[in-house]
C-alpha cells in the first residue's frame, strides 16, 4: 500500500491532470467548418425556413387529397314546437279534381253493380261540385322530433385540369420553399465566413499591435538610458512616450473591435455566452485560379435566385391553367346513404347515386379577365427571369474582378512589408549604436506596423472576396476547404 503522503501526491497529480484535460477541452479550437455546422443547426432564421419547408410538404400532401373522394357524415336533430301541417287550401282544387276523376272511374267500373247509373261527365261534375262545398282541412304530421343522418360521398371525375394544376402549384411552392431555405443557408454561410475571417484578422492585427507596443516600450527604455548617459536631449523622450501612448491606444481599440466581432460571430452561430469559442489565429495565403466561364455556368445552375424564378415560372403557368379550367365543366359522381328514413315526414330512398355536371355561363366577365391577367403574369415572370440572369452575371463578374484585385493588392504588399521591416531593423540598430535618431526609429516602426496591417487587411479582403464570389454562384461552402487547409496551429 502507498503511504499517506504518496497517496496525497497522487490525488493532487490526478486533480491537476483532470483540470488540464478539462481546460484543454474547453479551449478546443472551433474551425470554420465546425462553426458553419453550428450555425446551420442553431441559427433561428434557418430554423424558421425549415419550418416553412415542413409546412409546404403537408400542403403538397393535402393537394393530393383532391384526387380522392370526399366522404362526409351528416347528422342532425330538430325539435318542432308544434307538429307540421300541410296547408291543403292551396291545393284543394287539385285534390277535388283528383277525387272527381277517381270517383268517375269507380262509378264507371262498379256503378251498374251498385245501381248507380250516371254518365261519366255528370258523375265527375257532381263529385267535384260536392267536394267544393266542403272546407279545406290542414293535414297534421304527427312528429315533433326529427332526426336526420346520412353518409355522402363525392368523387371528382373531370374538373378541366383544376386538380392537376393545383397539385403542380403546391409542388412548385414546396420546391420554392426548399430553394429559399438553401438561399438563407447561403446567406448565413457568407455571414459566418465574413465574421469568422474578421475575428481572425483582428487577432492578427492585435498581435502586430502588441509587438509594436512592446517595441515602443523597449525604445522608450533605451531612450531613457541614453538621456541618463547624456547622449540624447530630454525632449526626445517626449516623442517616445507619445509613440508608446498611441501604440497602446491602437492596441486597446482593436481589442474592443475583437470583442464586438466575436459577439457578432456568436450571434450568427446562436451560441450562448457560457459556451467557450476559440477560433483559429491565422490564415495563410494561397494563390488561386478562377475560370470566369465556369463560374458563370455554375451560377446559372446553382444560384438560388434563378432557381426561384424557375419555380415562379411553373407557378404562373399553373395559375393560368387554373383560370382556364373555369371555362370547362365540373363533373363529379356522388352517392348518399340515408339513415332514420322511417322517422321522416317524407321517406327518402335508402341509396341515392348519380353524376352531376356544372358549368358557369356568365359571371360578369370575371373569369375572362382573370385569365388575361394570368397571361400577363407569365410574361412578367419571363421578363423577371431575363433581368435576374443579367443581374447574376453582373454580380459574378463584379465579385470575380474584386477577387483578382484583392489578390494583386495582397501580392503588392509583400515587397512593401519586407522593405518596411528591413528599414525598421536598420534604424533600430543605428539608434542602438548611437548613430541614429529616435524619431527615425519611431517612424520606421509606424511604417512597418502600417504596412503589416495593410497586408493583413488585404489578405482578409482577398478571402472575403472569394467568399462573396462563391456565394454569388450559389456555392458559399466551397471556400471552407481552402480556409481549412490554411490552418496554422
Protein backbone atom coordinates (compact mmCIF):
# COMPACT_ATOMS: atom_id res chain seq x y z
CA UNK A 1 0.00 0.00 0.00
CA UNK A 2 1.06 3.61 -0.63
CA UNK A 3 1.96 5.88 2.24
CA UNK A 4 -0.37 8.71 3.24
CA UNK A 5 1.98 11.31 1.72
CA UNK A 6 2.30 9.37 -1.54
CA UNK A 7 -1.50 9.00 -1.78
CA UNK A 8 -1.93 12.74 -1.28
CA UNK A 9 0.62 13.48 -4.02
CA UNK A 10 -1.17 11.08 -6.39
CA UNK A 11 -4.51 12.75 -5.67
CA UNK A 12 -3.07 16.19 -6.38
CA UNK A 13 -1.50 14.94 -9.62
CA UNK A 14 -4.77 13.34 -10.72
CA UNK A 15 -6.74 16.52 -9.99
CA UNK A 16 -4.16 18.58 -11.89
CA UNK A 17 -4.36 16.20 -14.85
CA UNK A 18 -8.16 16.32 -14.90
CA UNK A 19 -8.15 20.12 -14.68
CA UNK A 20 -5.66 20.31 -17.54
CA UNK A 21 -7.79 17.96 -19.61
CA UNK A 22 -10.93 19.95 -18.83
CA UNK A 23 -9.21 23.22 -19.71
CA UNK A 24 -7.95 21.75 -22.95
CA UNK A 25 -11.44 20.54 -23.82
CA UNK A 26 -12.94 23.93 -23.07
CA UNK A 27 -10.36 25.74 -25.20
CA UNK A 28 -10.70 23.47 -28.20
CA UNK A 29 -10.31 25.48 -31.40
CA UNK A 30 -13.51 25.79 -33.39
CA UNK A 31 -12.64 25.53 -37.07
CA UNK A 32 -14.58 27.48 -39.64
CA UNK A 33 -16.29 24.31 -40.89
CA UNK A 34 -17.38 23.45 -37.33
CA UNK A 35 -18.62 27.00 -36.82
CA UNK A 36 -20.65 26.75 -40.02
CA UNK A 37 -22.20 23.45 -38.91
CA UNK A 38 -23.15 25.02 -35.57
CA UNK A 39 -24.76 27.93 -37.44
CA UNK A 40 -26.77 25.57 -39.63
CA UNK A 41 -28.06 23.78 -36.52
CA UNK A 42 -28.65 26.79 -34.24
CA UNK A 43 -29.46 29.83 -36.38
CA UNK A 44 -33.07 30.91 -35.80
CA UNK A 45 -33.57 32.20 -39.35
CA UNK A 46 -32.63 28.80 -40.77
CA UNK A 47 -34.99 27.10 -38.31
CA UNK A 48 -37.82 29.38 -39.45
CA UNK A 49 -37.31 28.46 -43.11
CA UNK A 50 -37.02 24.76 -42.21
CA UNK A 51 -40.46 25.02 -40.62
CA UNK A 52 -41.73 26.65 -43.81
CA UNK A 53 -40.47 23.66 -45.80
CA UNK A 54 -42.35 21.30 -43.48
CA UNK A 55 -45.46 23.43 -43.93
CA UNK A 56 -45.23 23.16 -47.73
CA UNK A 57 -44.65 19.40 -47.52
CA UNK A 58 -48.01 18.93 -45.83
CA UNK A 59 -49.70 21.39 -48.18
CA UNK A 60 -48.40 19.32 -51.09
CA UNK A 61 -49.82 16.17 -49.46
CA UNK A 62 -53.12 17.99 -48.94
CA UNK A 63 -53.25 18.81 -52.66
CA UNK A 64 -53.05 15.08 -53.43
CA UNK A 65 -56.28 14.63 -51.48
CA UNK A 66 -58.22 16.44 -54.24
CA UNK A 67 -57.87 13.31 -56.40
CA UNK A 68 -59.61 11.16 -53.77
CA UNK A 69 -63.33 11.02 -52.95
CA UNK A 70 -64.75 13.23 -50.23
CA UNK A 71 -66.86 11.29 -47.68
CA UNK A 72 -68.95 13.14 -45.10
CA UNK A 73 -71.20 12.03 -42.29
CA UNK A 74 -74.11 14.43 -41.88
CA UNK A 75 -76.35 14.23 -38.84
CA UNK A 76 -78.79 16.49 -37.09
CA UNK A 77 -81.65 16.75 -34.64
CA UNK A 78 -84.59 19.15 -34.90
CA UNK A 79 -87.32 19.78 -32.35
CA UNK A 80 -90.56 21.44 -33.51
CA UNK A 81 -92.70 23.37 -31.01
CA UNK A 82 -95.77 22.16 -32.90
CA UNK A 83 -96.47 19.44 -35.41
CA UNK A 84 -96.05 20.43 -39.02
CA UNK A 85 -99.23 20.87 -41.06
CA UNK A 86 -99.82 20.67 -44.78
CA UNK A 87 -101.94 23.64 -45.91
CA UNK A 88 -104.46 21.95 -48.24
CA UNK A 89 -106.25 25.23 -49.09
CA UNK A 90 -103.55 25.94 -51.63
CA UNK A 91 -104.03 22.56 -53.32
CA UNK A 92 -107.76 21.89 -52.63
CA UNK A 93 -108.83 22.40 -56.26
CA UNK A 94 -106.28 19.87 -57.40
CA UNK A 95 -107.39 17.42 -54.69
CA UNK A 96 -111.08 17.85 -55.66
CA UNK A 97 -110.20 17.33 -59.30
CA UNK A 98 -108.26 14.18 -58.46
CA UNK A 99 -111.10 12.86 -56.29
CA UNK A 100 -113.60 13.60 -59.11
CA UNK A 101 -111.53 11.61 -61.60
CA UNK A 102 -111.11 8.68 -59.20
CA UNK A 103 -114.88 8.78 -58.36
CA UNK A 104 -115.84 8.82 -62.02
CA UNK A 105 -113.61 5.85 -62.74
CA UNK A 106 -115.10 3.96 -59.79
CA UNK A 107 -118.69 4.62 -60.93
CA UNK A 108 -117.84 3.62 -64.48
CA UNK A 109 -116.49 0.30 -63.22
CA UNK A 110 -118.79 -0.60 -60.35
CA UNK A 111 -121.81 1.77 -60.78
CA UNK A 112 -124.04 -0.72 -62.59
CA UNK A 113 -123.47 -3.36 -59.90
CA UNK A 114 -124.28 -0.80 -57.21
CA UNK A 115 -127.37 0.53 -59.03
CA UNK A 116 -125.76 3.87 -59.91
CA UNK A 117 -126.48 4.98 -63.45
CA UNK A 118 -124.68 8.24 -64.18
CA UNK A 119 -122.80 9.32 -67.26
CA UNK A 120 -119.10 9.88 -66.73
CA UNK A 121 -119.25 13.64 -67.25
CA UNK A 122 -122.23 14.02 -64.93
CA UNK A 123 -120.58 11.85 -62.26
CA UNK A 124 -117.37 13.95 -62.42
CA UNK A 125 -119.15 17.31 -62.15
CA UNK A 126 -121.39 16.05 -59.34
CA UNK A 127 -118.46 14.80 -57.29
CA UNK A 128 -116.33 17.91 -57.86
CA UNK A 129 -119.27 20.20 -57.09
CA UNK A 130 -120.00 18.36 -53.89
CA UNK A 131 -116.38 18.40 -52.75
CA UNK A 132 -116.04 22.11 -53.47
CA UNK A 133 -118.70 22.79 -50.87
CA UNK A 134 -116.50 21.20 -48.17
CA UNK A 135 -113.96 23.35 -46.31
CA UNK A 136 -110.22 22.64 -46.62
CA UNK A 137 -108.55 20.87 -43.72
CA UNK A 138 -104.84 21.02 -42.91
CA UNK A 139 -103.07 17.65 -42.74
CA UNK A 140 -101.10 17.27 -39.49
CA UNK A 141 -97.75 15.46 -39.49
CA UNK A 142 -97.57 13.87 -36.06
CA UNK A 143 -93.81 14.22 -35.44
CA UNK A 144 -92.12 16.98 -33.47
CA UNK A 145 -88.69 15.26 -33.10
CA UNK A 146 -86.90 14.90 -36.42
CA UNK A 147 -83.55 13.08 -36.55
CA UNK A 148 -81.50 13.01 -39.74
CA UNK A 149 -78.32 11.15 -40.61
CA UNK A 150 -76.67 10.43 -43.94
CA UNK A 151 -73.32 9.45 -45.41
CA UNK A 152 -72.42 11.32 -48.58
CA UNK A 153 -69.53 10.69 -50.96
CA UNK A 154 -68.32 12.84 -53.86
CA UNK A 155 -65.72 11.80 -56.41
CA UNK A 156 -64.44 14.37 -58.95
CA UNK A 157 -64.37 12.93 -62.46
CA UNK A 158 -63.43 15.94 -64.57
CA UNK A 159 -62.55 19.45 -63.43
CA UNK A 160 -60.95 20.88 -66.55
CA UNK A 161 -57.44 20.29 -65.19
CA UNK A 162 -58.03 22.27 -61.99
CA UNK A 163 -56.96 19.49 -59.60
CA UNK A 164 -53.81 18.67 -61.58
CA UNK A 165 -52.85 22.35 -61.79
CA UNK A 166 -53.42 22.80 -58.05
CA UNK A 167 -51.19 19.79 -57.32
CA UNK A 168 -48.40 21.10 -59.55
CA UNK A 169 -48.73 24.55 -57.99
CA UNK A 170 -48.39 23.05 -54.49
CA UNK A 171 -45.33 21.08 -55.64
CA UNK A 172 -43.77 24.25 -57.05
CA UNK A 173 -44.38 26.01 -53.73
CA UNK A 174 -42.66 23.13 -51.90
CA UNK A 175 -39.64 23.30 -54.21
CA UNK A 176 -39.58 27.10 -53.80
CA UNK A 177 -39.52 26.77 -50.01
CA UNK A 178 -36.58 24.35 -50.28
CA UNK A 179 -34.75 26.80 -52.55
CA UNK A 180 -35.49 29.64 -50.11
CA UNK A 181 -34.01 27.51 -47.32
CA UNK A 182 -30.93 26.95 -49.47
CA UNK A 183 -30.73 30.70 -50.14
CA UNK A 184 -30.95 31.51 -46.43
CA UNK A 185 -28.26 28.93 -45.65
CA UNK A 186 -26.05 30.55 -48.29
CA UNK A 187 -26.61 33.95 -46.68
CA UNK A 188 -25.84 32.59 -43.21
CA UNK A 189 -22.76 30.80 -44.54
CA UNK A 190 -21.49 34.00 -46.16
CA UNK A 191 -22.20 35.96 -42.98
CA UNK A 192 -20.47 33.33 -40.83
CA UNK A 193 -17.40 33.24 -43.07
CA UNK A 194 -17.19 37.05 -43.15
CA UNK A 195 -17.45 37.38 -39.37
CA UNK A 196 -15.10 34.46 -38.71
CA UNK A 197 -12.47 36.00 -41.00
CA UNK A 198 -12.93 39.35 -39.25
CA UNK A 199 -12.17 37.72 -35.90
CA UNK A 200 -9.06 36.04 -37.33
CA UNK A 201 -7.94 39.32 -38.91
CA UNK A 202 -8.33 41.25 -35.66
CA UNK A 203 -6.39 38.58 -33.80
CA UNK A 204 -3.50 39.01 -36.22
CA UNK A 205 -3.79 42.81 -36.08
CA UNK A 206 -3.73 42.70 -32.27
CA UNK A 207 -0.65 40.51 -32.41
CA UNK A 208 1.02 43.08 -34.67
CA UNK A 209 -0.13 45.94 -32.44
CA UNK A 210 1.20 44.11 -29.38
CA UNK A 211 4.61 43.68 -30.99
CA UNK A 212 4.67 47.36 -31.98
CA UNK A 213 3.64 48.39 -28.45
CA UNK A 214 6.34 46.24 -26.86
CA UNK A 215 8.85 47.60 -29.38
CA UNK A 216 7.92 51.19 -28.45
CA UNK A 217 8.25 50.36 -24.75
CA UNK A 218 11.71 48.95 -25.38
CA UNK A 219 12.63 52.01 -27.42
CA UNK A 220 11.40 54.27 -24.60
CA UNK A 221 13.61 52.40 -22.13
CA UNK A 222 16.58 52.75 -24.48
CA UNK A 223 15.85 56.48 -24.86
CA UNK A 224 15.67 56.92 -21.07
CA UNK A 225 19.07 55.24 -20.65
CA UNK A 226 20.55 57.38 -23.42
CA UNK A 227 19.26 60.52 -21.68
CA UNK A 228 20.71 59.34 -18.36
CA UNK A 229 24.06 58.94 -20.14
CA UNK A 230 23.53 62.42 -21.61
CA UNK A 231 23.70 61.03 -25.13
CA UNK A 232 20.27 62.40 -26.08
CA UNK A 233 18.37 65.53 -25.13
CA UNK A 234 15.46 65.18 -22.72
CA UNK A 235 12.84 66.35 -25.22
CA UNK A 236 13.48 63.22 -27.29
CA UNK A 237 11.86 61.13 -24.54
CA UNK A 238 8.58 63.01 -25.00
CA UNK A 239 8.29 61.80 -28.59
CA UNK A 240 8.96 58.21 -27.50
CA UNK A 241 6.27 58.43 -24.78
CA UNK A 242 3.77 59.76 -27.32
CA UNK A 243 4.57 56.80 -29.58
CA UNK A 244 4.01 54.38 -26.67
CA UNK A 245 0.68 56.03 -25.80
CA UNK A 246 -0.51 55.86 -29.42
CA UNK A 247 0.54 52.23 -29.72
CA UNK A 248 -1.34 51.36 -26.51
CA UNK A 249 -4.41 53.26 -27.72
CA UNK A 250 -4.43 51.42 -31.06
CA UNK A 251 -3.96 48.09 -29.26
CA UNK A 252 -6.88 48.66 -26.89
CA UNK A 253 -9.06 49.93 -29.74
CA UNK A 254 -8.51 46.75 -31.75
CA UNK A 255 -9.13 44.60 -28.67
CA UNK A 256 -12.53 46.27 -28.34
CA UNK A 257 -13.18 45.63 -32.01
CA UNK A 258 -12.31 41.97 -31.47
CA UNK A 259 -14.86 41.68 -28.66
CA UNK A 260 -17.56 43.14 -30.91
CA UNK A 261 -16.53 40.86 -33.79
CA UNK A 262 -16.70 37.78 -31.54
CA UNK A 263 -20.11 38.94 -30.32
CA UNK A 264 -21.32 39.18 -33.93
CA UNK A 265 -19.89 35.73 -34.69
CA UNK A 266 -21.69 34.26 -31.67
CA UNK A 267 -24.92 35.85 -32.89
CA UNK A 268 -24.65 34.14 -36.28
CA UNK A 269 -23.88 30.82 -34.58
CA UNK A 270 -26.59 31.47 -31.94
CA UNK A 271 -24.02 30.45 -29.35
CA UNK A 272 -24.64 31.27 -25.66
CA UNK A 273 -22.04 33.28 -23.77
CA UNK A 274 -21.42 30.32 -21.46
CA UNK A 275 -20.00 28.28 -24.34
CA UNK A 276 -16.29 28.81 -24.98
CA UNK A 277 -15.50 29.92 -28.52
CA UNK A 278 -11.92 29.93 -29.77
CA UNK A 279 -11.19 30.50 -33.45
CA UNK A 280 -8.01 29.82 -35.38
CA UNK A 281 -5.33 32.51 -35.01
CA UNK A 282 -4.17 32.96 -38.58
CA UNK A 283 -4.82 32.07 -42.22
CA UNK A 284 -2.05 31.78 -44.75
CA UNK A 285 -2.16 32.96 -48.34
CA UNK A 286 -2.98 30.59 -51.18
CA UNK A 287 -2.72 31.64 -54.81
CA UNK A 288 -5.93 30.51 -56.53
CA UNK A 289 -7.01 30.49 -60.16
CA UNK A 290 -10.61 31.17 -61.22
CA UNK A 291 -12.23 30.36 -64.56
CA UNK A 292 -14.90 33.01 -65.16
CA UNK A 293 -16.83 30.99 -67.76
CA UNK A 294 -17.13 28.02 -65.38
CA UNK A 295 -18.12 30.31 -62.53
CA UNK A 296 -20.88 31.84 -64.64
CA UNK A 297 -22.05 28.41 -65.77
CA UNK A 298 -22.25 27.27 -62.16
CA UNK A 299 -24.16 30.40 -61.20
CA UNK A 300 -26.76 29.80 -63.92
CA UNK A 301 -27.27 26.30 -62.50
CA UNK A 302 -26.95 26.73 -58.73
CA UNK A 303 -27.87 30.33 -57.95
CA UNK A 304 -31.00 30.17 -55.74
CA UNK A 305 -32.36 33.42 -57.19
CA UNK A 306 -32.55 31.87 -60.66
CA UNK A 307 -33.95 28.63 -59.25
CA UNK A 308 -36.70 30.61 -57.53
CA UNK A 309 -37.53 32.38 -60.78
CA UNK A 310 -37.85 28.99 -62.49
CA UNK A 311 -40.36 27.88 -59.87
CA UNK A 312 -42.23 31.18 -60.18
CA UNK A 313 -42.49 30.37 -63.89
CA UNK A 314 -44.04 26.99 -63.08
CA UNK A 315 -46.45 28.61 -60.62
CA UNK A 316 -47.50 31.25 -63.16
CA UNK A 317 -48.15 28.51 -65.73
CA UNK A 318 -50.30 26.55 -63.28
CA UNK A 319 -52.17 29.73 -62.27
CA UNK A 320 -53.05 30.17 -65.94
CA UNK A 321 -54.22 26.55 -66.08
CA UNK A 322 -56.41 27.12 -63.00
CA UNK A 323 -58.07 30.15 -64.61
CA UNK A 324 -58.50 28.26 -67.87
CA UNK A 325 -60.22 25.37 -66.07
CA UNK A 326 -63.06 27.70 -65.02
CA UNK A 327 -64.32 27.60 -68.62
CA UNK A 328 -64.60 23.80 -68.50
CA UNK A 329 -67.43 21.82 -66.88
CA UNK A 330 -67.01 20.21 -63.49
CA UNK A 331 -68.23 16.61 -63.46
CA UNK A 332 -68.48 14.59 -60.26
CA UNK A 333 -70.13 11.36 -59.14
CA UNK A 334 -72.00 11.40 -55.85
CA UNK A 335 -73.73 8.94 -53.55
CA UNK A 336 -75.83 9.24 -50.39
CA UNK A 337 -76.96 6.68 -47.83
CA UNK A 338 -79.87 7.89 -45.67
CA UNK A 339 -80.47 6.71 -42.12
CA UNK A 340 -83.55 7.17 -39.86
CA UNK A 341 -85.62 7.19 -43.06
CA UNK A 342 -88.81 5.83 -41.48
CA UNK A 343 -88.96 8.67 -38.93
CA UNK A 344 -89.00 11.43 -41.55
CA UNK A 345 -92.23 13.06 -42.76
CA UNK A 346 -91.25 12.25 -46.34
CA UNK A 347 -89.36 8.95 -46.57
CA UNK A 348 -86.41 9.26 -48.96
CA UNK A 349 -84.81 6.33 -50.76
CA UNK A 350 -82.14 4.36 -48.95
CA UNK A 351 -79.43 4.97 -51.55
CA UNK A 352 -79.01 7.86 -53.96
CA UNK A 353 -76.26 7.79 -56.60
CA UNK A 354 -75.68 9.93 -59.64
CA UNK A 355 -73.41 12.07 -61.78
CA UNK A 356 -73.61 15.84 -61.83
CA UNK A 357 -72.11 18.38 -64.24
CA UNK A 358 -71.79 22.10 -63.67
CA UNK A 359 -70.51 24.88 -65.90
CA UNK A 360 -70.65 28.60 -65.42
CA UNK A 361 -72.39 30.52 -68.22
CA UNK A 362 -71.95 34.11 -67.06
CA UNK A 363 -70.37 35.75 -64.00
CA UNK A 364 -69.78 39.33 -65.05
CA UNK A 365 -66.64 38.66 -67.18
CA UNK A 366 -64.58 37.92 -64.05
CA UNK A 367 -63.16 34.66 -65.33
CA UNK A 368 -62.13 36.01 -68.74
CA UNK A 369 -60.37 38.98 -67.12
CA UNK A 370 -58.57 36.74 -64.61
CA UNK A 371 -57.47 34.52 -67.50
CA UNK A 372 -55.99 37.53 -69.28
CA UNK A 373 -54.30 38.63 -66.06
CA UNK A 374 -52.68 35.19 -65.68
CA UNK A 375 -51.22 35.51 -69.20
CA UNK A 376 -49.61 38.83 -68.25
CA UNK A 377 -48.28 37.20 -65.07
CA UNK A 378 -46.49 34.63 -67.22
CA UNK A 379 -44.94 37.42 -69.29
CA UNK A 380 -43.93 39.26 -66.12
CA UNK A 381 -42.11 36.19 -64.78
CA UNK A 382 -40.43 35.68 -68.15
CA UNK A 383 -39.07 39.25 -68.08
CA UNK A 384 -38.06 38.86 -64.43
CA UNK A 385 -36.06 35.76 -65.37
CA UNK A 386 -34.16 37.63 -68.08
CA UNK A 387 -33.45 40.52 -65.72
CA UNK A 388 -32.31 38.16 -62.93
CA UNK A 389 -29.98 36.36 -65.35
CA UNK A 390 -28.37 39.68 -66.28
CA UNK A 391 -28.01 40.71 -62.63
CA UNK A 392 -26.46 37.37 -61.65
CA UNK A 393 -23.93 37.72 -64.46
CA UNK A 394 -23.10 41.24 -63.25
CA UNK A 395 -22.81 40.02 -59.65
CA UNK A 396 -20.48 37.15 -60.57
CA UNK A 397 -18.31 39.35 -62.78
CA UNK A 398 -18.00 42.14 -60.19
CA UNK A 399 -17.03 39.67 -57.46
CA UNK A 400 -14.64 37.92 -59.85
CA UNK A 401 -12.88 41.20 -60.66
CA UNK A 402 -12.83 42.20 -56.99
CA UNK A 403 -11.18 38.88 -56.13
CA UNK A 404 -8.46 39.45 -58.71
CA UNK A 405 -7.91 43.00 -57.48
CA UNK A 406 -7.60 41.84 -53.86
CA UNK A 407 -5.19 39.15 -54.97
CA UNK A 408 -2.98 41.73 -56.74
CA UNK A 409 -3.23 44.07 -53.76
CA UNK A 410 -2.02 41.41 -51.35
CA UNK A 411 0.89 40.40 -53.58
CA UNK A 412 1.92 44.03 -53.95
CA UNK A 413 2.10 44.31 -50.15
CA UNK A 414 4.69 41.54 -49.82
CA UNK A 415 7.64 43.64 -51.02
CA UNK A 416 6.40 46.68 -49.10
CA UNK A 417 6.31 44.76 -45.82
CA UNK A 418 9.76 43.27 -46.38
CA UNK A 419 11.26 46.68 -47.14
CA UNK A 420 9.50 48.30 -44.17
CA UNK A 421 10.75 45.55 -41.87
CA UNK A 422 14.31 45.94 -43.10
CA UNK A 423 14.07 49.71 -42.75
CA UNK A 424 12.88 49.34 -39.17
CA UNK A 425 15.69 46.88 -38.36
CA UNK A 426 18.35 49.23 -39.77
CA UNK A 427 17.08 52.33 -37.98
CA UNK A 428 16.75 50.45 -34.68
CA UNK A 429 20.32 49.12 -35.00
CA UNK A 430 21.64 52.59 -35.88
CA UNK A 431 19.91 54.04 -32.80
CA UNK A 432 21.27 51.29 -30.56
CA UNK A 433 24.78 52.03 -31.88
CA UNK A 434 24.30 55.73 -31.16
CA UNK A 435 24.42 56.94 -34.76
CA UNK A 436 20.66 57.09 -35.44
CA UNK A 437 17.82 59.28 -34.31
CA UNK A 438 14.94 58.27 -32.08
CA UNK A 439 12.40 59.82 -34.45
CA UNK A 440 13.74 57.65 -37.26
CA UNK A 441 13.13 54.51 -35.18
CA UNK A 442 9.59 55.61 -34.31
CA UNK A 443 8.75 56.48 -37.92
CA UNK A 444 10.22 53.21 -39.16
CA UNK A 445 8.24 51.25 -36.56
CA UNK A 446 4.98 53.01 -37.51
CA UNK A 447 5.68 52.43 -41.20
CA UNK A 448 6.33 48.73 -40.63
CA UNK A 449 3.23 48.38 -38.44
CA UNK A 450 1.08 50.17 -41.02
CA UNK A 451 2.35 48.08 -43.95
CA UNK A 452 1.97 44.85 -41.98
CA UNK A 453 -1.64 45.66 -41.04
CA UNK A 454 -2.40 46.69 -44.61
CA UNK A 455 -1.08 43.31 -45.73
CA UNK A 456 -3.34 41.53 -43.23
CA UNK A 457 -6.33 43.60 -44.35
CA UNK A 458 -5.54 42.79 -47.98
CA UNK A 459 -5.40 39.07 -47.15
CA UNK A 460 -8.71 39.35 -45.30
CA UNK A 461 -10.22 41.21 -48.27
CA UNK A 462 -8.91 38.55 -50.63
CA UNK A 463 -10.62 35.67 -48.82
CA UNK A 464 -13.81 37.67 -48.25
CA UNK A 465 -13.89 38.47 -51.97
CA UNK A 466 -13.56 34.75 -52.70
CA UNK A 467 -16.36 34.01 -50.23
CA UNK A 468 -18.60 36.57 -51.94
CA UNK A 469 -17.71 35.12 -55.34
CA UNK A 470 -18.65 31.59 -54.27
CA UNK A 471 -21.85 32.91 -52.69
CA UNK A 472 -22.70 34.64 -55.96
CA UNK A 473 -22.52 31.31 -57.83
CA UNK A 474 -24.56 29.57 -55.13
CA UNK A 475 -21.73 27.58 -53.51
CA UNK A 476 -20.54 29.54 -50.44
CA UNK A 477 -19.22 26.41 -48.71
CA UNK A 478 -16.65 25.94 -51.47
CA UNK A 479 -14.26 28.26 -49.65
CA UNK A 480 -14.29 26.13 -46.47
CA UNK A 481 -11.71 23.55 -47.67
CA UNK A 482 -9.48 26.41 -48.85
CA UNK A 483 -9.52 28.10 -45.46
CA UNK A 484 -9.27 24.82 -43.55
CA UNK A 485 -6.10 23.85 -45.39
CA UNK A 486 -4.51 27.11 -44.30
CA UNK A 487 -4.88 26.42 -40.58
CA UNK A 488 -1.63 27.21 -38.78
CA UNK A 489 -1.57 25.74 -35.23
